[in-house]
Amino acid sequence: MRQGRGRLGTRRSTRARVARDLVASLSLRRKALGLAALSAVVMLLSAAVVSCQTTSSASSSVSPSLSAEPEIRVRIRTRAPNARLASVSAMEVRPAGGGVPVTLPSPLLVEVTPQGFEITDGEGLKRRWPPGVDLDLRAILARSSIVVDQTPCSGELQLRAKWREAARAFDIVSVLPMETYIAGVLQKELYDNWPQAAYEAQAIAARSYALHERDRARRAGRAHDVESSTLDQVYGGLPTRPLALEGARRTRGMVLTYEGAGGGGILRAYYSSSCGGRPSSARAIWPTAAGFEFNLAKPLQGAPREFACGSSPAFAWEVVRKNDELARRLRAWGRDAGKRLSTIDRIRSVAVAERNPADKPTAYTITDVRGWEYRITAEELRVACNFAVPGQGQSDSLPAISSGPTHVRSNDMEFTIVGNDVRIRGRGFGHAVGLCQFCAKGFADRGVDAPSMLRTFYPGATIERAY
């Protein structure tokens, strides 16, 4: 799970349907040809044998062990009403789980109708599959990519419809080699001028998280392993940045492991944009009950450590909100979460109720003007401050706040209330568990290598090779 990217919440551009006239078609084919060549380079790099100073910290095995580089299924579209798929080659389409394949000329226009999947191919011919039948696609030309709307993806896709929902929509899942995915994550998670050591540290953390979540997804029988958003790790398609490709290549197969309490294999290596100098504890943010014991692993608990994220624009921040507006958001979150906060009135004070060993707030006590007190975790309060308020129209509803000058960026806050103004001073951006991206950049600028900084971010964890 990711919050607070190094790019401070920048989002991908909106998708647009490309015109299908002759000139645009020729342009698309030239573009796709270049992407196909790029994809081949990426996959060759993924297969390379690595020898560098970073690998010297890696041992030969990890639990669970993998005999070779695994594939990963990344959900790149959720509940899409339609999609345009293009490749330099034709594409083979077959029913998921087996069946007779058909080869269709590019591009393909895909939608779900009451009669099932419908695909219009590059020659304008329509093909239909009955309701309940999902589809698998692959580019016929080896190592070529498929452009989903305007995003270059792997040459293998899975289309999974929401058959039980009234709204006709489907998910698109990209299936690709793990190392290609990791390079794609690096390209979206870090700035393009950051030091190589920061990319290597991020690669090991991202690979650890991906393999951990992949194992959980397959045990649960999910149709995808990870999301392409900050719900897991940001992935925007096939990578092109040399630093990202090299960061994945130089750390190929390397992961963080921990065998103590809450451990037992690959560490779920959380990370965020900026810790503000005080790391958080996983157990104070996410569940720890049966099935979530991994959040109790010692390397994921906040402890005093050196930091180097002072260059982050969000190292220290301040926002001012109106008391009435903030109270409405807290009440809306309380109703949604089934918490007592749904009854809160105007806010009188917000005080830190508990801190972790790194002095990071983990819980707050909110007192309203009636004198009623409400205890809430630090992460819950961050979410509640930005929570949407539903209503019948613009006059009585409030949208969620995910960016901008009033966005509450972290769970490390101090509140001052004067009249109807609530002044919130905060530190950092994101949950602050594990690797801090701006700290990684700062450490790398000082000459610290990836293994050394990972020992700082995840004390007690070990770097091993999974494949």
Protein backbone atom coordinates (compact mmCIF):
# COMPACT_ATOMS: atom_id res chain seq x y z
CA MET A 1 0.00 0.00 0.00
CA ARG A 2 1.42 3.36 -1.01
CA GLN A 3 0.62 6.88 -0.01
CA GLY A 4 2.42 10.11 -0.77
CA ARG A 5 4.57 9.54 -3.84
CA GLY A 6 7.89 11.24 -4.49
CA ARG A 7 6.15 13.17 -7.23
CA LEU A 8 3.80 14.57 -4.55
CA GLY A 9 0.63 13.14 -5.92
CA THR A 10 1.10 13.89 -9.62
CA ARG A 11 -1.29 11.75 -11.58
CA ARG A 12 -1.19 10.35 -15.04
CA SER A 13 -2.84 12.34 -17.82
CA THR A 14 -6.39 11.47 -18.78
CA ARG A 15 -6.94 8.80 -21.40
CA ALA A 16 -8.15 9.88 -24.83
CA ARG A 17 -9.57 7.88 -27.72
CA VAL A 18 -7.25 8.24 -30.75
CA ALA A 19 -8.83 9.07 -34.13
CA ARG A 20 -8.93 6.15 -36.57
CA ASP A 21 -8.17 7.93 -39.80
CA LEU A 22 -5.30 6.75 -41.99
CA VAL A 23 -2.68 9.25 -40.79
CA ALA A 24 -3.28 8.48 -37.10
CA SER A 25 -3.21 4.75 -37.83
CA LEU A 26 0.19 4.99 -39.50
CA SER A 27 1.50 7.11 -36.63
CA LEU A 28 0.25 4.57 -34.11
CA ARG A 29 1.96 1.69 -35.93
CA ARG A 30 5.28 3.56 -35.97
CA LYS A 31 4.89 4.25 -32.25
CA ALA A 32 3.95 0.67 -31.47
CA LEU A 33 6.96 -0.60 -33.42
CA GLY A 34 9.25 1.50 -31.25
CA LEU A 35 7.52 0.23 -28.10
CA ALA A 36 7.95 -3.34 -29.30
CA ALA A 37 11.68 -2.82 -29.65
CA LEU A 38 11.79 -1.17 -26.22
CA SER A 39 9.89 -4.08 -24.68
CA ALA A 40 12.44 -6.50 -26.10
CA VAL A 41 15.29 -4.50 -24.53
CA VAL A 42 13.53 -4.45 -21.15
CA MET A 43 12.98 -8.21 -21.14
CA LEU A 44 16.58 -8.90 -22.17
CA LEU A 45 17.76 -6.69 -19.31
CA SER A 46 15.47 -8.61 -16.97
CA ALA A 47 17.23 -11.83 -17.90
CA ALA A 48 20.78 -10.49 -17.43
CA VAL A 49 23.15 -11.95 -14.85
CA VAL A 50 24.01 -9.31 -12.29
CA SER A 51 27.32 -8.56 -10.64
CA CYS A 52 27.77 -5.36 -8.65
CA GLN A 53 28.48 -4.06 -5.17
CA THR A 54 24.80 -4.16 -4.19
CA THR A 55 24.55 -7.92 -4.68
CA SER A 56 27.33 -8.54 -2.21
CA SER A 57 24.78 -8.29 0.61
CA ALA A 58 22.51 -10.94 -0.90
CA SER A 59 22.49 -14.55 0.22
CA SER A 60 21.40 -17.47 -1.93
CA SER A 61 17.90 -18.29 -0.75
CA VAL A 62 14.69 -16.85 0.59
CA SER A 63 11.41 -18.26 1.89
CA PRO A 64 9.18 -18.65 -0.04
CA SER A 65 11.74 -19.50 -2.74
CA LEU A 66 11.24 -19.09 -6.49
CA SER A 67 13.06 -21.13 -9.11
CA ALA A 68 13.01 -18.33 -11.68
CA GLU A 69 11.79 -14.79 -12.23
CA PRO A 70 8.01 -14.87 -11.75
CA GLU A 71 5.37 -13.02 -13.70
CA ILE A 72 3.05 -10.55 -12.02
CA ARG A 73 -0.53 -9.56 -12.87
CA VAL A 74 -1.07 -5.81 -12.64
CA ARG A 75 -4.59 -4.40 -12.82
CA ILE A 76 -4.09 -1.34 -15.03
CA ARG A 77 -7.79 -0.46 -15.56
CA THR A 78 -10.66 -0.94 -13.13
CA ARG A 79 -14.28 -1.04 -14.28
CA ALA A 80 -13.48 0.31 -17.74
CA PRO A 81 -16.58 0.81 -19.93
CA ASN A 82 -14.45 0.30 -23.05
CA ALA A 83 -10.86 0.31 -24.20
CA ARG A 84 -8.76 0.66 -27.34
CA LEU A 85 -5.95 -1.89 -27.71
CA ALA A 86 -3.30 -1.45 -30.38
CA SER A 87 -0.17 -3.34 -31.38
CA VAL A 88 2.27 -3.37 -34.26
CA SER A 89 1.11 -6.94 -34.86
CA ALA A 90 -2.22 -8.68 -34.90
CA MET A 91 -3.55 -9.96 -31.57
CA GLU A 92 -4.75 -13.40 -30.59
CA VAL A 93 -7.92 -13.47 -28.50
CA ARG A 94 -9.13 -16.57 -26.68
CA PRO A 95 -11.59 -17.37 -23.90
CA ALA A 96 -9.93 -17.36 -20.48
CA GLY A 97 -8.98 -20.82 -19.34
CA GLY A 98 -8.79 -22.23 -22.85
CA GLY A 99 -10.85 -22.37 -26.00
CA VAL A 100 -10.51 -21.64 -29.67
CA PRO A 101 -8.40 -18.51 -30.32
CA VAL A 102 -9.04 -16.00 -33.07
CA THR A 103 -6.47 -13.65 -34.61
CA LEU A 104 -7.68 -10.08 -35.10
CA PRO A 105 -5.97 -7.15 -36.84
CA SER A 106 -5.05 -4.13 -34.72
CA PRO A 107 -6.45 -1.92 -33.28
CA LEU A 108 -9.20 -3.52 -31.22
CA LEU A 109 -12.11 -1.63 -29.68
CA VAL A 110 -13.41 -3.58 -26.66
CA GLU A 111 -16.63 -3.20 -24.68
CA VAL A 112 -19.02 -5.34 -22.64
CA THR A 113 -22.64 -5.53 -23.78
CA PRO A 114 -25.64 -7.48 -22.47
CA GLN A 115 -24.59 -10.12 -24.99
CA GLY A 116 -21.07 -10.38 -23.55
CA PHE A 117 -17.70 -9.08 -24.74
CA GLU A 118 -17.76 -7.36 -28.14
CA ILE A 119 -14.57 -6.52 -30.05
CA THR A 120 -14.40 -4.44 -33.22
CA ASP A 121 -11.14 -5.17 -35.03
CA GLY A 122 -8.99 -2.97 -37.27
CA GLU A 123 -11.03 -3.88 -40.33
CA GLY A 124 -14.32 -2.91 -38.70
CA LEU A 125 -15.51 -6.49 -38.14
CA LYS A 126 -17.20 -7.35 -34.85
CA ARG A 127 -16.66 -10.48 -32.77
CA ARG A 128 -18.76 -11.48 -29.76
CA TRP A 129 -18.34 -13.87 -26.86
CA PRO A 130 -21.28 -14.90 -24.66
CA PRO A 131 -21.92 -13.47 -21.16
CA GLY A 132 -19.74 -14.98 -18.47
CA VAL A 133 -16.79 -15.56 -20.80
CA ASP A 134 -13.66 -13.56 -19.96
CA LEU A 135 -10.87 -13.08 -22.50
CA ASP A 136 -7.08 -13.38 -22.73
CA LEU A 137 -5.11 -11.46 -25.36
CA ARG A 138 -1.57 -11.55 -26.62
CA ALA A 139 0.35 -9.81 -29.37
CA ILE A 140 1.29 -12.25 -32.13
CA LEU A 141 4.73 -10.70 -32.72
CA ALA A 142 7.15 -11.92 -30.04
CA ARG A 143 8.10 -9.32 -27.43
CA SER A 144 5.83 -6.66 -28.90
CA SER A 145 3.74 -4.44 -26.67
CA ILE A 146 0.05 -3.60 -26.58
CA VAL A 147 -0.96 0.04 -26.18
CA VAL A 148 -3.99 0.26 -23.88
CA ASP A 149 -5.66 3.53 -24.80
CA GLN A 150 -2.41 5.55 -24.72
CA THR A 151 -0.41 3.47 -22.22
CA PRO A 152 2.25 1.03 -23.53
CA CYS A 153 1.80 -2.30 -21.74
CA SER A 154 3.07 -5.85 -22.01
CA GLY A 155 2.08 -8.04 -24.91
CA GLU A 156 -0.20 -10.17 -22.72
CA LEU A 157 -3.48 -8.89 -21.27
CA GLN A 158 -6.43 -10.38 -19.41
CA LEU A 159 -9.94 -8.90 -19.69
CA ARG A 160 -12.14 -9.68 -16.71
CA ALA A 161 -15.75 -8.43 -16.80
CA LYS A 162 -17.92 -7.51 -13.81
CA TRP A 163 -20.61 -10.00 -14.75
CA ARG A 164 -22.45 -9.74 -11.42
CA GLU A 165 -22.76 -5.96 -11.58
CA ALA A 166 -25.52 -4.09 -13.38
CA ALA A 167 -23.08 -1.60 -14.89
CA ARG A 168 -21.31 -3.10 -17.90
CA ALA A 169 -17.57 -2.78 -17.25
CA PHE A 170 -14.38 -4.83 -17.13
CA ASP A 171 -10.89 -4.85 -15.64
CA ILE A 172 -7.72 -4.98 -17.73
CA VAL A 173 -4.83 -6.93 -16.22
CA SER A 174 -1.32 -6.73 -17.67
CA VAL A 175 0.78 -9.89 -17.24
CA LEU A 176 4.52 -9.22 -17.37
CA PRO A 177 7.90 -10.30 -15.94
CA MET A 178 8.57 -9.10 -12.40
CA GLU A 179 11.74 -7.19 -13.31
CA THR A 180 9.99 -5.27 -16.10
CA TYR A 181 7.28 -4.35 -13.59
CA ILE A 182 9.84 -3.21 -11.00
CA ALA A 183 11.53 -0.91 -13.53
CA GLY A 184 8.10 0.51 -14.37
CA VAL A 185 7.42 1.18 -10.68
CA LEU A 186 10.76 2.95 -10.28
CA GLN A 187 9.97 5.18 -13.25
CA LYS A 188 6.75 6.38 -11.59
CA GLU A 189 7.86 6.45 -7.96
CA LEU A 190 11.12 8.44 -8.24
CA TYR A 191 12.32 11.58 -9.97
CA ASP A 192 14.39 11.09 -13.11
CA ASN A 193 17.49 12.92 -11.77
CA TRP A 194 17.87 11.07 -8.48
CA PRO A 195 21.03 9.05 -7.65
CA GLN A 196 21.37 5.42 -8.72
CA ALA A 197 21.63 4.21 -5.11
CA ALA A 198 18.16 5.61 -4.38
CA TYR A 199 16.80 3.66 -7.35
CA GLU A 200 18.46 0.47 -6.10
CA ALA A 201 17.05 0.84 -2.57
CA GLN A 202 13.60 1.57 -3.99
CA ALA A 203 13.86 -1.44 -6.32
CA ILE A 204 14.55 -3.86 -3.47
CA ALA A 205 11.71 -2.43 -1.37
CA ALA A 206 9.26 -2.43 -4.30
CA ARG A 207 10.16 -6.00 -5.28
CA SER A 208 9.72 -7.17 -1.69
CA TYR A 209 6.28 -5.57 -1.47
CA ALA A 210 5.26 -6.94 -4.89
CA LEU A 211 6.29 -10.53 -4.14
CA HIS A 212 4.62 -10.40 -0.73
CA GLU A 213 1.36 -9.12 -2.19
CA ARG A 214 1.59 -11.54 -5.15
CA ASP A 215 1.74 -14.45 -2.73
CA ARG A 216 -1.26 -13.13 -0.78
CA ALA A 217 -3.27 -12.56 -3.96
CA ARG A 218 -2.71 -16.07 -5.26
CA ARG A 219 -3.52 -17.66 -1.94
CA ALA A 220 -6.78 -15.69 -1.93
CA GLY A 221 -7.60 -16.63 -5.55
CA ARG A 222 -7.69 -13.03 -6.81
CA ALA A 223 -7.68 -12.35 -10.56
CA HIS A 224 -4.84 -9.83 -10.20
CA ASP A 225 -1.80 -9.51 -7.94
CA VAL A 226 -1.41 -5.74 -7.52
CA GLU A 227 -3.07 -2.49 -8.48
CA SER A 228 -1.27 0.04 -10.69
CA SER A 229 -2.10 2.91 -8.30
CA THR A 230 -1.07 4.02 -4.82
CA LEU A 231 -3.36 1.31 -3.46
CA ASP A 232 -0.25 -0.81 -4.05
CA GLN A 233 2.56 0.69 -6.15
CA VAL A 234 2.30 3.19 -8.98
CA TYR A 235 2.88 1.57 -12.39
CA GLY A 236 2.23 3.45 -15.62
CA GLY A 237 3.27 1.00 -18.33
CA LEU A 238 6.50 -0.22 -19.86
CA PRO A 239 9.58 1.66 -18.57
CA THR A 240 11.95 3.73 -20.69
CA ARG A 241 14.08 5.62 -18.15
CA PRO A 242 17.69 4.33 -18.05
CA LEU A 243 17.99 4.87 -14.27
CA ALA A 244 14.86 2.78 -13.67
CA LEU A 245 15.99 -0.03 -15.97
CA GLU A 246 19.44 -0.06 -14.37
CA GLY A 247 18.04 0.05 -10.84
CA ALA A 248 16.01 -3.08 -11.51
CA ARG A 249 18.89 -4.83 -13.33
CA ARG A 250 21.48 -4.16 -10.64
CA THR A 251 19.23 -5.56 -7.89
CA ARG A 252 17.61 -8.39 -9.87
CA GLY A 253 15.75 -10.82 -7.60
CA MET A 254 16.83 -9.12 -4.37
CA VAL A 255 14.32 -8.77 -1.53
CA LEU A 256 14.11 -7.95 2.16
CA THR A 257 13.32 -10.80 4.54
CA TYR A 258 12.65 -11.09 8.26
CA GLU A 259 12.17 -14.21 10.36
CA GLY A 260 11.24 -12.74 13.74
CA ALA A 261 7.80 -12.14 15.29
CA GLY A 262 5.41 -11.06 12.55
CA GLY A 263 7.92 -12.16 9.92
CA GLY A 264 8.55 -15.52 8.32
CA GLY A 265 9.73 -14.73 4.79
CA ILE A 266 9.66 -11.77 2.46
CA LEU A 267 9.06 -8.50 4.29
CA ARG A 268 6.10 -6.38 3.23
CA ALA A 269 8.41 -3.41 2.61
CA TYR A 270 6.15 -0.36 2.83
CA TYR A 271 7.49 3.01 1.71
CA SER A 272 6.27 6.58 1.23
CA SER A 273 7.41 9.97 -0.01
CA SER A 274 8.70 11.77 3.07
CA CYS A 275 8.83 10.76 6.74
CA GLY A 276 9.37 14.30 8.02
CA GLY A 277 12.13 12.97 10.26
CA ARG A 278 9.88 10.62 12.30
CA PRO A 279 9.00 7.13 10.97
CA SER A 280 5.61 5.54 11.62
CA SER A 281 4.78 2.03 12.83
CA ALA A 282 2.88 -0.39 10.60
CA ARG A 283 0.94 -1.79 13.54
CA ALA A 284 -0.43 1.69 14.29
CA ILE A 285 -1.76 2.14 10.74
CA TRP A 286 -2.86 -1.22 9.34
CA PRO A 287 -4.58 -4.35 10.72
CA THR A 288 -2.58 -6.83 12.80
CA ALA A 289 -5.23 -9.54 13.35
CA ALA A 290 -5.13 -13.04 11.85
CA GLY A 291 -3.92 -12.81 8.27
CA PHE A 292 -2.21 -9.47 8.88
CA GLU A 293 0.50 -10.51 11.33
CA PHE A 294 3.10 -9.19 8.86
CA ASN A 295 2.29 -5.68 10.12
CA LEU A 296 3.81 -6.65 13.46
CA ALA A 297 7.27 -7.34 11.96
CA LYS A 298 9.88 -5.41 13.91
CA PRO A 299 11.55 -3.77 10.86
CA LEU A 300 8.21 -2.05 10.11
CA GLN A 301 7.83 -0.36 13.50
CA GLY A 302 8.87 3.25 13.96
CA ALA A 303 12.09 3.75 15.93
CA PRO A 304 14.50 6.68 16.20
CA ARG A 305 16.79 6.79 13.18
CA GLU A 306 18.81 9.17 11.06
CA PHE A 307 16.87 11.00 8.37
CA ALA A 308 17.77 13.01 5.26
CA CYS A 309 14.48 14.18 3.75
CA GLY A 310 14.88 17.88 4.49
CA SER A 311 14.81 18.63 0.75
CA SER A 312 11.24 17.35 0.45
CA PRO A 313 8.70 20.12 -0.29
CA ALA A 314 6.49 18.38 2.28
CA PHE A 315 9.08 17.98 5.04
CA ALA A 316 7.12 20.65 6.94
CA TRP A 317 3.76 22.03 5.84
CA GLU A 318 0.81 24.02 7.11
CA VAL A 319 -2.85 24.22 6.11
CA VAL A 320 -5.78 26.23 7.44
CA ARG A 321 -9.27 24.80 7.42
CA LYS A 322 -12.62 26.12 8.67
CA ASN A 323 -13.90 24.47 11.83
CA ASP A 324 -17.35 23.78 10.42
CA GLU A 325 -15.97 22.21 7.25
CA LEU A 326 -13.47 20.05 9.13
CA ALA A 327 -16.11 18.86 11.61
CA ARG A 328 -18.38 17.85 8.73
CA ARG A 329 -15.60 15.74 7.23
CA LEU A 330 -14.90 14.07 10.58
CA ARG A 331 -18.60 13.26 11.01
CA ALA A 332 -18.80 11.85 7.45
CA TRP A 333 -15.78 9.64 8.08
CA GLY A 334 -17.26 8.51 11.39
CA ARG A 335 -20.53 7.49 9.73
CA ASP A 336 -18.66 5.62 7.02
CA ALA A 337 -16.37 3.84 9.50
CA GLY A 338 -19.07 3.19 12.10
CA LYS A 339 -17.21 5.24 14.75
CA ARG A 340 -18.40 7.61 17.52
CA LEU A 341 -16.84 10.47 15.60
CA SER A 342 -20.08 10.60 13.59
CA THR A 343 -21.58 12.62 16.48
CA ILE A 344 -18.84 15.24 16.83
CA ASP A 345 -19.78 18.93 17.02
CA ARG A 346 -17.50 21.90 16.35
CA ILE A 347 -13.94 21.19 17.40
CA ARG A 348 -12.50 22.71 20.58
CA SER A 349 -9.08 20.99 20.61
CA VAL A 350 -7.02 18.19 19.10
CA ALA A 351 -4.20 16.79 21.25
CA VAL A 352 -1.67 14.00 20.79
CA ALA A 353 -2.71 11.03 22.95
CA GLU A 354 0.08 8.60 22.13
CA ARG A 355 3.48 8.54 20.40
CA ASN A 356 5.77 5.77 19.13
CA PRO A 357 9.46 5.45 20.13
CA ALA A 358 10.40 7.81 17.27
CA ASP A 359 8.14 10.49 18.83
CA LYS A 360 5.67 10.16 15.94
CA PRO A 361 2.01 10.65 17.00
CA THR A 362 0.04 7.42 16.78
CA ALA A 363 -3.25 8.57 18.35
CA TYR A 364 -5.10 11.80 19.06
CA THR A 365 -7.89 12.94 21.38
CA ILE A 366 -10.41 15.32 19.79
CA THR A 367 -12.62 17.39 22.11
CA ASP A 368 -15.67 19.18 20.73
CA VAL A 369 -17.40 22.32 22.06
CA ARG A 370 -19.69 20.18 24.24
CA GLY A 371 -16.70 18.67 26.02
CA TRP A 372 -17.16 15.25 24.41
CA GLU A 373 -13.88 13.43 23.72
CA TYR A 374 -13.09 11.15 20.80
CA ARG A 375 -9.96 9.03 20.51
CA ILE A 376 -8.75 8.33 16.98
CA THR A 377 -5.56 6.89 15.48
CA ALA A 378 -3.22 9.26 13.68
CA GLU A 379 -3.80 7.64 10.30
CA GLU A 380 -7.58 7.64 10.80
CA LEU A 381 -7.43 11.36 11.54
CA ARG A 382 -5.41 12.06 8.39
CA VAL A 383 -7.99 10.19 6.30
CA ALA A 384 -10.91 11.85 8.09
CA CYS A 385 -9.53 15.34 7.52
CA ASN A 386 -9.56 14.71 3.75
CA PHE A 387 -12.78 12.66 3.65
CA ALA A 388 -15.59 13.45 1.20
CA VAL A 389 -18.97 14.59 2.52
CA PRO A 390 -21.86 13.17 0.46
CA GLY A 391 -24.89 15.31 -0.25
CA GLN A 392 -27.74 15.99 -2.65
CA GLY A 393 -25.92 18.72 -4.53
CA GLN A 394 -22.90 21.01 -4.60
CA SER A 395 -24.29 23.15 -1.79
CA ASP A 396 -24.29 20.37 0.82
CA SER A 397 -21.54 18.02 -0.41
CA LEU A 398 -17.76 18.26 -0.16
CA PRO A 399 -15.33 16.42 -2.44
CA ALA A 400 -12.45 14.41 -1.04
CA ILE A 401 -9.16 16.34 -0.81
CA SER A 402 -6.25 14.48 -2.41
CA SER A 403 -4.00 17.42 -3.31
CA GLY A 404 -3.79 21.18 -3.15
CA PRO A 405 -3.16 23.79 -0.46
CA THR A 406 -5.64 22.37 2.07
CA HIS A 407 -4.59 18.72 1.72
CA VAL A 408 -3.56 17.09 5.01
CA ARG A 409 -0.52 15.18 3.77
CA SER A 410 0.51 12.98 6.69
CA ASN A 411 -0.49 11.61 10.08
CA ASP A 412 2.09 13.74 11.95
CA MET A 413 0.15 16.89 12.93
CA GLU A 414 -0.25 19.69 15.47
CA PHE A 415 -3.56 21.59 15.74
CA THR A 416 -4.22 25.17 16.78
CA ILE A 417 -7.81 26.47 16.85
CA VAL A 418 -8.56 30.18 16.79
CA GLY A 419 -12.15 31.22 16.20
CA ASN A 420 -13.43 29.34 13.15
CA ASP A 421 -9.93 28.62 11.85
CA VAL A 422 -8.16 25.29 12.44
CA ARG A 423 -4.45 25.61 11.72
CA ILE A 424 -2.74 22.27 11.07
CA ARG A 425 1.06 22.07 11.03
CA GLY A 426 2.42 18.79 9.75
CA ARG A 427 5.56 16.88 8.82
CA GLY A 428 6.11 14.56 5.87
CA PHE A 429 3.95 13.14 3.12
CA GLY A 430 2.35 9.71 3.36
CA HIS A 431 2.24 7.03 6.05
CA ALA A 432 6.04 7.16 6.78
CA VAL A 433 6.46 3.40 7.35
CA GLY A 434 9.70 1.90 6.03
CA LEU A 435 11.67 3.53 3.25
CA CYS A 436 11.37 7.30 2.91
CA GLN A 437 11.96 8.22 -0.73
CA PHE A 438 13.37 11.68 -0.02
CA CYS A 439 15.60 10.20 2.71
CA ALA A 440 16.86 7.66 0.16
CA LYS A 441 17.73 10.53 -2.17
CA GLY A 442 19.42 12.43 0.66
CA PHE A 443 21.42 9.40 1.82
CA ALA A 444 22.49 8.63 -1.75
CA ASP A 445 23.69 12.21 -2.16
CA ARG A 446 25.94 11.59 0.87
CA GLY A 447 27.40 8.47 -0.78
CA VAL A 448 25.42 5.88 1.22
CA ASP A 449 24.80 2.67 -0.77
CA ALA A 450 21.47 0.89 -1.05
CA PRO A 451 22.14 -1.97 1.43
CA SER A 452 23.27 0.49 4.09
CA MET A 453 20.24 2.73 3.77
CA LEU A 454 17.89 -0.28 3.76
CA ARG A 455 19.36 -1.36 7.09
CA THR A 456 18.39 2.10 8.37
CA PHE A 457 14.85 1.98 6.96
CA TYR A 458 14.15 -1.66 7.96
CA PRO A 459 16.32 -2.45 11.01
CA GLY A 460 16.73 -6.17 11.52
CA ALA A 461 15.76 -7.15 7.98
CA THR A 462 18.10 -9.08 5.68
CA ILE A 463 18.71 -8.68 1.94
CA GLU A 464 18.44 -12.02 0.14
CA ARG A 465 17.99 -13.21 -3.41
CA ALA A 466 14.59 -14.68 -4.24
CA TYR A 467 15.57 -15.89 -7.73
